[in-house]
PDB file of N, CA and C in Angstrom:
ATOM      1  N   MET A   1       0.815  -1.187   0.000  1.00  0.00           N
ATOM      2  CA  MET A   1       0.000   0.000   0.000  1.00  0.00           C
ATOM      3  C   MET A   1       0.864   1.260   0.000  1.00  0.00           C
ATOM      4  N   LYS A   2       2.125   1.115   0.336  1.00  0.00           N
ATOM      5  CA  LYS A   2       3.038   2.263   0.299  1.00  0.00           C
ATOM      6  C   LYS A   2       3.196   2.803  -1.121  1.00  0.00           C
ATOM      7  N   LYS A   3       3.041   1.934  -2.101  1.00  0.00           N
ATOM      8  CA  LYS A   3       3.174   2.350  -3.502  1.00  0.00           C
ATOM      9  C   LYS A   3       2.008   3.210  -3.963  1.00  0.00           C
ATOM     10  N   TYR A   4       0.918   3.215  -3.207  1.00  0.00           N
ATOM     11  CA  TYR A   4      -0.285   3.932  -3.599  1.00  0.00           C
ATOM     12  C   TYR A   4      -0.717   4.894  -2.499  1.00  0.00           C
ATOM     13  N   PRO A   5       0.029   5.970  -2.290  1.00  0.00           N
ATOM     14  CA  PRO A   5      -0.278   6.885  -1.192  1.00  0.00           C
ATOM     15  C   PRO A   5      -1.617   7.614  -1.362  1.00  0.00           C
ATOM     16  N   SER A   6      -2.136   7.685  -2.578  1.00  0.00           N
ATOM     17  CA  SER A   6      -3.418   8.367  -2.819  1.00  0.00           C
ATOM     18  C   SER A   6      -4.614   7.427  -2.677  1.00  0.00           C
ATOM     19  N   LEU A   7      -4.351   6.191  -2.288  1.00  0.00           N
ATOM     20  CA  LEU A   7      -5.405   5.193  -2.157  1.00  0.00           C
ATOM     21  C   LEU A   7      -6.490   5.661  -1.194  1.00  0.00           C
ATOM     22  N   LYS A   8      -7.740   5.588  -1.641  1.00  0.00           N
ATOM     23  CA  LYS A   8      -8.860   5.968  -0.782  1.00  0.00           C
ATOM     24  C   LYS A   8      -9.727   4.768  -0.427  1.00  0.00           C
ATOM     25  N   GLU A   9      -9.840   3.845  -1.369  1.00  0.00           N
ATOM     26  CA  GLU A   9     -10.713   2.693  -1.166  1.00  0.00           C
ATOM     27  C   GLU A   9      -9.967   1.422  -1.542  1.00  0.00           C
ATOM     28  N   LEU A  10      -9.965   0.468  -0.630  1.00  0.00           N
ATOM     29  CA  LEU A  10      -9.349  -0.830  -0.871  1.00  0.00           C
ATOM     30  C   LEU A  10     -10.432  -1.889  -0.730  1.00  0.00           C
ATOM     31  N   ILE A  11     -10.554  -2.732  -1.743  1.00  0.00           N
ATOM     32  CA  ILE A  11     -11.553  -3.802  -1.709  1.00  0.00           C
ATOM     33  C   ILE A  11     -10.831  -5.135  -1.796  1.00  0.00           C
ATOM     34  N   TRP A  12     -11.037  -5.952  -0.776  1.00  0.00           N
ATOM     35  CA  TRP A  12     -10.499  -7.315  -0.763  1.00  0.00           C
ATOM     36  C   TRP A  12     -11.570  -8.203  -1.394  1.00  0.00           C
ATOM     37  N   CYS A  13     -11.208  -8.905  -2.444  1.00  0.00           N
ATOM     38  CA  CYS A  13     -12.157  -9.772  -3.143  1.00  0.00           C
ATOM     39  C   CYS A  13     -11.641 -11.204  -3.082  1.00  0.00           C
ATOM     40  N   GLN A  14     -12.516 -12.120  -2.659  1.00  0.00           N
ATOM     41  CA  GLN A  14     -12.120 -13.527  -2.615  1.00  0.00           C
ATOM     42  C   GLN A  14     -13.294 -14.411  -2.995  1.00  0.00           C
ATOM     43  N   GLU A  15     -12.967 -15.537  -3.610  1.00  0.00           N
ATOM     44  CA  GLU A  15     -13.988 -16.507  -4.008  1.00  0.00           C
ATOM     45  C   GLU A  15     -14.541 -17.292  -2.825  1.00  0.00           C
ATOM     46  N   GLU A  16     -13.721 -17.512  -1.824  1.00  0.00           N
ATOM     47  CA  GLU A  16     -14.155 -18.318  -0.683  1.00  0.00           C
ATOM     48  C   GLU A  16     -15.238 -17.586   0.110  1.00  0.00           C
ATOM     49  N   PRO A  17     -16.009 -18.340   0.894  1.00  0.00           N
ATOM     50  CA  PRO A  17     -16.987 -17.704   1.776  1.00  0.00           C
ATOM     51  C   PRO A  17     -16.301 -16.734   2.741  1.00  0.00           C
ATOM     52  N   LEU A  18     -17.057 -15.789   3.232  1.00  0.00           N
ATOM     53  CA  LEU A  18     -16.523 -14.734   4.087  1.00  0.00           C
ATOM     54  C   LEU A  18     -15.777 -15.266   5.300  1.00  0.00           C
ATOM     55  N   ASN A  19     -16.242 -16.370   5.855  1.00  0.00           N
ATOM     56  CA  ASN A  19     -15.619 -16.919   7.066  1.00  0.00           C
ATOM     57  C   ASN A  19     -14.483 -17.893   6.759  1.00  0.00           C
ATOM     58  N   GLN A  20     -14.027 -17.919   5.521  1.00  0.00           N
ATOM     59  CA  GLN A  20     -12.934 -18.804   5.122  1.00  0.00           C
ATOM     60  C   GLN A  20     -11.942 -18.013   4.280  1.00  0.00           C
ATOM     61  N   GLY A  21     -10.922 -18.656   3.811  1.00  0.00           N
ATOM     62  CA  GLY A  21      -9.967 -17.991   2.928  1.00  0.00           C
ATOM     63  C   GLY A  21      -9.086 -17.002   3.656  1.00  0.00           C
ATOM     64  N   ALA A  22      -8.370 -16.213   2.889  1.00  0.00           N
ATOM     65  CA  ALA A  22      -7.380 -15.296   3.439  1.00  0.00           C
ATOM     66  C   ALA A  22      -7.995 -14.162   4.250  1.00  0.00           C
ATOM     67  N   TRP A  23      -9.158 -13.678   3.868  1.00  0.00           N
ATOM     68  CA  TRP A  23      -9.789 -12.576   4.612  1.00  0.00           C
ATOM     69  C   TRP A  23      -9.989 -12.951   6.073  1.00  0.00           C
ATOM     70  N   TYR A  24     -10.479 -14.121   6.295  1.00  0.00           N
ATOM     71  CA  TYR A  24     -10.744 -14.585   7.660  1.00  0.00           C
ATOM     72  C   TYR A  24      -9.465 -14.581   8.497  1.00  0.00           C
ATOM     73  N   ALA A  25      -8.362 -14.913   7.865  1.00  0.00           N
ATOM     74  CA  ALA A  25      -7.091 -15.011   8.578  1.00  0.00           C
ATOM     75  C   ALA A  25      -6.321 -13.689   8.651  1.00  0.00           C
ATOM     76  N   LYS A  26      -6.550 -12.780   7.718  1.00  0.00           N
ATOM     77  CA  LYS A  26      -5.688 -11.604   7.595  1.00  0.00           C
ATOM     78  C   LYS A  26      -6.378 -10.252   7.730  1.00  0.00           C
ATOM     79  N   HIS A  27      -7.691 -10.183   7.849  1.00  0.00           N
ATOM     80  CA  HIS A  27      -8.361  -8.881   7.838  1.00  0.00           C
ATOM     81  C   HIS A  27      -7.898  -7.967   8.970  1.00  0.00           C
ATOM     82  N   HIS A  28      -7.552  -8.529  10.106  1.00  0.00           N
ATOM     83  CA  HIS A  28      -7.077  -7.699  11.212  1.00  0.00           C
ATOM     84  C   HIS A  28      -5.762  -7.005  10.862  1.00  0.00           C
ATOM     85  N   ARG A  29      -4.913  -7.671  10.106  1.00  0.00           N
ATOM     86  CA  ARG A  29      -3.638  -7.071   9.684  1.00  0.00           C
ATOM     87  C   ARG A  29      -3.880  -5.970   8.654  1.00  0.00           C
ATOM     88  N   MET A  30      -4.830  -6.198   7.754  1.00  0.00           N
ATOM     89  CA  MET A  30      -5.159  -5.191   6.742  1.00  0.00           C
ATOM     90  C   MET A  30      -5.739  -3.949   7.409  1.00  0.00           C
ATOM     91  N   THR A  31      -6.567  -4.140   8.407  1.00  0.00           N
ATOM     92  CA  THR A  31      -7.187  -3.021   9.120  1.00  0.00           C
ATOM     93  C   THR A  31      -6.113  -2.133   9.757  1.00  0.00           C
ATOM     94  N   GLU A  32      -5.047  -2.728  10.235  1.00  0.00           N
ATOM     95  CA  GLU A  32      -3.961  -1.970  10.845  1.00  0.00           C
ATOM     96  C   GLU A  32      -3.249  -1.053   9.849  1.00  0.00           C
ATOM     97  N   LEU A  33      -3.316  -1.390   8.563  1.00  0.00           N
ATOM     98  CA  LEU A  33      -2.619  -0.614   7.536  1.00  0.00           C
ATOM     99  C   LEU A  33      -3.425   0.565   7.015  1.00  0.00           C
ATOM    100  N   ILE A  34      -4.721   0.564   7.282  1.00  0.00           N
ATOM    101  CA  ILE A  34      -5.599   1.617   6.767  1.00  0.00           C
ATOM    102  C   ILE A  34      -5.317   2.923   7.506  1.00  0.00           C
ATOM    103  N   LYS A  35      -5.170   3.986   6.720  1.00  0.00           N
ATOM    104  CA  LYS A  35      -4.909   5.297   7.288  1.00  0.00           C
ATOM    105  C   LYS A  35      -6.177   6.153   7.248  1.00  0.00           C
ATOM    106  N   LYS A  36      -6.149   7.282   7.914  1.00  0.00           N
ATOM    107  CA  LYS A  36      -7.286   8.191   7.945  1.00  0.00           C
ATOM    108  C   LYS A  36      -7.686   8.561   6.517  1.00  0.00           C
ATOM    109  N   GLY A  37      -8.963   8.501   6.245  1.00  0.00           N
ATOM    110  CA  GLY A  37      -9.477   8.817   4.916  1.00  0.00           C
ATOM    111  C   GLY A  37      -9.539   7.629   3.972  1.00  0.00           C
ATOM    112  N   GLN A  38      -9.037   6.485   4.399  1.00  0.00           N
ATOM    113  CA  GLN A  38      -9.082   5.281   3.574  1.00  0.00           C
ATOM    114  C   GLN A  38     -10.136   4.324   4.116  1.00  0.00           C
ATOM    115  N   THR A  39     -10.691   3.518   3.224  1.00  0.00           N
ATOM    116  CA  THR A  39     -11.656   2.502   3.636  1.00  0.00           C
ATOM    117  C   THR A  39     -11.192   1.133   3.161  1.00  0.00           C
ATOM    118  N   LEU A  40     -11.587   0.126   3.891  1.00  0.00           N
ATOM    119  CA  LEU A  40     -11.304  -1.269   3.548  1.00  0.00           C
ATOM    120  C   LEU A  40     -12.618  -2.025   3.556  1.00  0.00           C
ATOM    121  N   ASP A  41     -12.971  -2.596   2.431  1.00  0.00           N
ATOM    122  CA  ASP A  41     -14.187  -3.394   2.313  1.00  0.00           C
ATOM    123  C   ASP A  41     -13.822  -4.775   1.795  1.00  0.00           C
ATOM    124  N   VAL A  42     -14.713  -5.721   2.038  1.00  0.00           N
ATOM    125  CA  VAL A  42     -14.506  -7.084   1.563  1.00  0.00           C
ATOM    126  C   VAL A  42     -15.695  -7.503   0.723  1.00  0.00           C
ATOM    127  N   VAL A  43     -15.400  -8.239  -0.344  1.00  0.00           N
ATOM    128  CA  VAL A  43     -16.426  -8.851  -1.176  1.00  0.00           C
ATOM    129  C   VAL A  43     -16.108 -10.333  -1.228  1.00  0.00           C
ATOM    130  N   ALA A  44     -17.071 -11.153  -0.817  1.00  0.00           N
ATOM    131  CA  ALA A  44     -16.870 -12.600  -0.786  1.00  0.00           C
ATOM    132  C   ALA A  44     -18.228 -13.286  -0.839  1.00  0.00           C
ATOM    133  N   ARG A  45     -18.181 -14.581  -0.999  1.00  0.00           N
ATOM    134  CA  ARG A  45     -19.427 -15.345  -0.919  1.00  0.00           C
ATOM    135  C   ARG A  45     -19.944 -15.263   0.516  1.00  0.00           C
ATOM    136  N   PRO A  46     -21.235 -15.497   0.707  1.00  0.00           N
ATOM    137  CA  PRO A  46     -21.774 -15.467   2.081  1.00  0.00           C
ATOM    138  C   PRO A  46     -21.059 -16.498   2.968  1.00  0.00           C
ATOM    139  N   ALA A  47     -20.984 -16.205   4.250  1.00  0.00           N
ATOM    140  CA  ALA A  47     -20.376 -17.152   5.198  1.00  0.00           C
ATOM    141  C   ALA A  47     -21.069 -18.505   5.086  1.00  0.00           C
ATOM    142  N   SER A  48     -20.279 -19.561   5.206  1.00  0.00           N
ATOM    143  CA  SER A  48     -20.810 -20.907   5.012  1.00  0.00           C
ATOM    144  C   SER A  48     -19.934 -21.927   5.720  1.00  0.00           C
ATOM    145  N   ALA A  49     -20.547 -23.036   6.109  1.00  0.00           N
ATOM    146  CA  ALA A  49     -19.792 -24.134   6.721  1.00  0.00           C
ATOM    147  C   ALA A  49     -19.000 -24.909   5.672  1.00  0.00           C
ATOM    148  N   ALA A  50     -19.446 -24.837   4.419  1.00  0.00           N
ATOM    149  CA  ALA A  50     -18.784 -25.560   3.336  1.00  0.00           C
ATOM    150  C   ALA A  50     -18.031 -24.581   2.439  1.00  0.00           C
ATOM    151  N   PRO A  51     -16.892 -24.978   1.877  1.00  0.00           N
ATOM    152  CA  PRO A  51     -16.133 -24.086   1.012  1.00  0.00           C
ATOM    153  C   PRO A  51     -16.767 -23.889  -0.367  1.00  0.00           C
ATOM    154  N   ALA A  52     -17.700 -24.755  -0.737  1.00  0.00           N
ATOM    155  CA  ALA A  52     -18.367 -24.640  -2.036  1.00  0.00           C
ATOM    156  C   ALA A  52     -19.869 -24.814  -1.850  1.00  0.00           C
ATOM    157  N   VAL A  53     -20.624 -24.167  -2.715  1.00  0.00           N
ATOM    158  CA  VAL A  53     -22.082 -24.187  -2.592  1.00  0.00           C
ATOM    159  C   VAL A  53     -22.678 -25.548  -2.973  1.00  0.00           C
ATOM    160  N   GLY A  54     -22.035 -26.292  -3.873  1.00  0.00           N
ATOM    161  CA  GLY A  54     -22.491 -27.632  -4.215  1.00  0.00           C
ATOM    162  C   GLY A  54     -23.393 -27.729  -5.436  1.00  0.00           C
ATOM    163  N   TYR A  55     -23.826 -26.599  -5.982  1.00  0.00           N
ATOM    164  CA  TYR A  55     -24.656 -26.578  -7.184  1.00  0.00           C
ATOM    165  C   TYR A  55     -23.995 -25.657  -8.196  1.00  0.00           C
ATOM    166  N   ALA A  56     -23.757 -26.169  -9.384  1.00  0.00           N
ATOM    167  CA  ALA A  56     -23.044 -25.393 -10.402  1.00  0.00           C
ATOM    168  C   ALA A  56     -23.738 -24.071 -10.705  1.00  0.00           C
ATOM    169  N   ALA A  57     -25.049 -24.088 -10.867  1.00  0.00           N
ATOM    170  CA  ALA A  57     -25.783 -22.862 -11.193  1.00  0.00           C
ATOM    171  C   ALA A  57     -25.669 -21.829 -10.072  1.00  0.00           C
ATOM    172  N   LYS A  58     -25.747 -22.268  -8.838  1.00  0.00           N
ATOM    173  CA  LYS A  58     -25.622 -21.359  -7.695  1.00  0.00           C
ATOM    174  C   LYS A  58     -24.189 -20.813  -7.610  1.00  0.00           C
ATOM    175  N   HIS A  59     -23.207 -21.664  -7.878  1.00  0.00           N
ATOM    176  CA  HIS A  59     -21.814 -21.225  -7.876  1.00  0.00           C
ATOM    177  C   HIS A  59     -21.600 -20.113  -8.904  1.00  0.00           C
ATOM    178  N   ILE A  60     -22.104 -20.318 -10.103  1.00  0.00           N
ATOM    179  CA  ILE A  60     -21.958 -19.319 -11.169  1.00  0.00           C
ATOM    180  C   ILE A  60     -22.646 -18.013 -10.782  1.00  0.00           C
ATOM    181  N   GLN A  61     -23.825 -18.107 -10.194  1.00  0.00           N
ATOM    182  CA  GLN A  61     -24.550 -16.919  -9.748  1.00  0.00           C
ATOM    183  C   GLN A  61     -23.756 -16.168  -8.679  1.00  0.00           C
ATOM    184  N   GLN A  62     -23.251 -16.882  -7.683  1.00  0.00           N
ATOM    185  CA  GLN A  62     -22.474 -16.244  -6.621  1.00  0.00           C
ATOM    186  C   GLN A  62     -21.178 -15.647  -7.166  1.00  0.00           C
ATOM    187  N   GLN A  63     -20.540 -16.339  -8.079  1.00  0.00           N
ATOM    188  CA  GLN A  63     -19.295 -15.844  -8.670  1.00  0.00           C
ATOM    189  C   GLN A  63     -19.550 -14.523  -9.386  1.00  0.00           C
ATOM    190  N   LYS A  64     -20.613 -14.457 -10.140  1.00  0.00           N
ATOM    191  CA  LYS A  64     -20.962 -13.230 -10.857  1.00  0.00           C
ATOM    192  C   LYS A  64     -21.241 -12.099  -9.869  1.00  0.00           C
ATOM    193  N   GLU A  65     -21.953 -12.395  -8.794  1.00  0.00           N
ATOM    194  CA  GLU A  65     -22.269 -11.390  -7.781  1.00  0.00           C
ATOM    195  C   GLU A  65     -21.004 -10.862  -7.108  1.00  0.00           C
ATOM    196  N   VAL A  66     -20.066 -11.749  -6.804  1.00  0.00           N
ATOM    197  CA  VAL A  66     -18.806 -11.349  -6.162  1.00  0.00           C
ATOM    198  C   VAL A  66     -18.016 -10.421  -7.087  1.00  0.00           C
ATOM    199  N   ILE A  67     -17.851 -10.802  -8.325  1.00  0.00           N
ATOM    200  CA  ILE A  67     -17.083  -9.999  -9.281  1.00  0.00           C
ATOM    201  C   ILE A  67     -17.755  -8.650  -9.514  1.00  0.00           C
ATOM    202  N   ASN A  68     -19.067  -8.655  -9.727  1.00  0.00           N
ATOM    203  CA  ASN A  68     -19.784  -7.400  -9.956  1.00  0.00           C
ATOM    204  C   ASN A  68     -19.688  -6.468  -8.754  1.00  0.00           C
ATOM    205  N   ALA A  69     -19.807  -7.018  -7.562  1.00  0.00           N
ATOM    206  CA  ALA A  69     -19.709  -6.188  -6.358  1.00  0.00           C
ATOM    207  C   ALA A  69     -18.304  -5.593  -6.215  1.00  0.00           C
ATOM    208  N   ALA A  70     -17.285  -6.388  -6.496  1.00  0.00           N
ATOM    209  CA  ALA A  70     -15.904  -5.915  -6.376  1.00  0.00           C
ATOM    210  C   ALA A  70     -15.618  -4.782  -7.378  1.00  0.00           C
ATOM    211  N   LEU A  71     -16.219  -4.881  -8.549  1.00  0.00           N
ATOM    212  CA  LEU A  71     -15.996  -3.865  -9.596  1.00  0.00           C
ATOM    213  C   LEU A  71     -17.014  -2.739  -9.559  1.00  0.00           C
ATOM    214  N   GLY A  72     -17.978  -2.823  -8.648  1.00  0.00           N
ATOM    215  CA  GLY A  72     -18.995  -1.771  -8.544  1.00  0.00           C
ATOM    216  C   GLY A  72     -20.031  -1.810  -9.650  1.00  0.00           C
ATOM    217  N   ILE A  73     -20.234  -2.984 -10.243  1.00  0.00           N
ATOM    218  CA  ILE A  73     -21.206  -3.149 -11.324  1.00  0.00           C
ATOM    219  C   ILE A  73     -22.561  -3.489 -10.725  1.00  0.00           C
ATOM    220  N   LYS A  74     -23.572  -2.696 -11.066  1.00  0.00           N
ATOM    221  CA  LYS A  74     -24.927  -2.960 -10.573  1.00  0.00           C
ATOM    222  C   LYS A  74     -25.795  -3.412 -11.728  1.00  0.00           C
ATOM    223  N   GLU A  75     -26.526  -4.485 -11.506  1.00  0.00           N
ATOM    224  CA  GLU A  75     -27.405  -5.008 -12.566  1.00  0.00           C
ATOM    225  C   GLU A  75     -28.839  -4.933 -12.116  1.00  0.00           C
TER     226      GLU A  75
END
């Protein structure tokens, strides 16, 4: 983040559910790096006991929602 001193918004995007993956393990460290005037948001699949939804159609739908949310695309 030192390379981007003008950074105002940081979005962590991950395919795994919110309670899994790197966000779950590292968000506290990322929060420590945020300076005044900056925001940190996360985009991920809903929290779940399983790492995958189990239905191809639902997976594709969730994947599209995650990507669109991370890029700020509203449909």
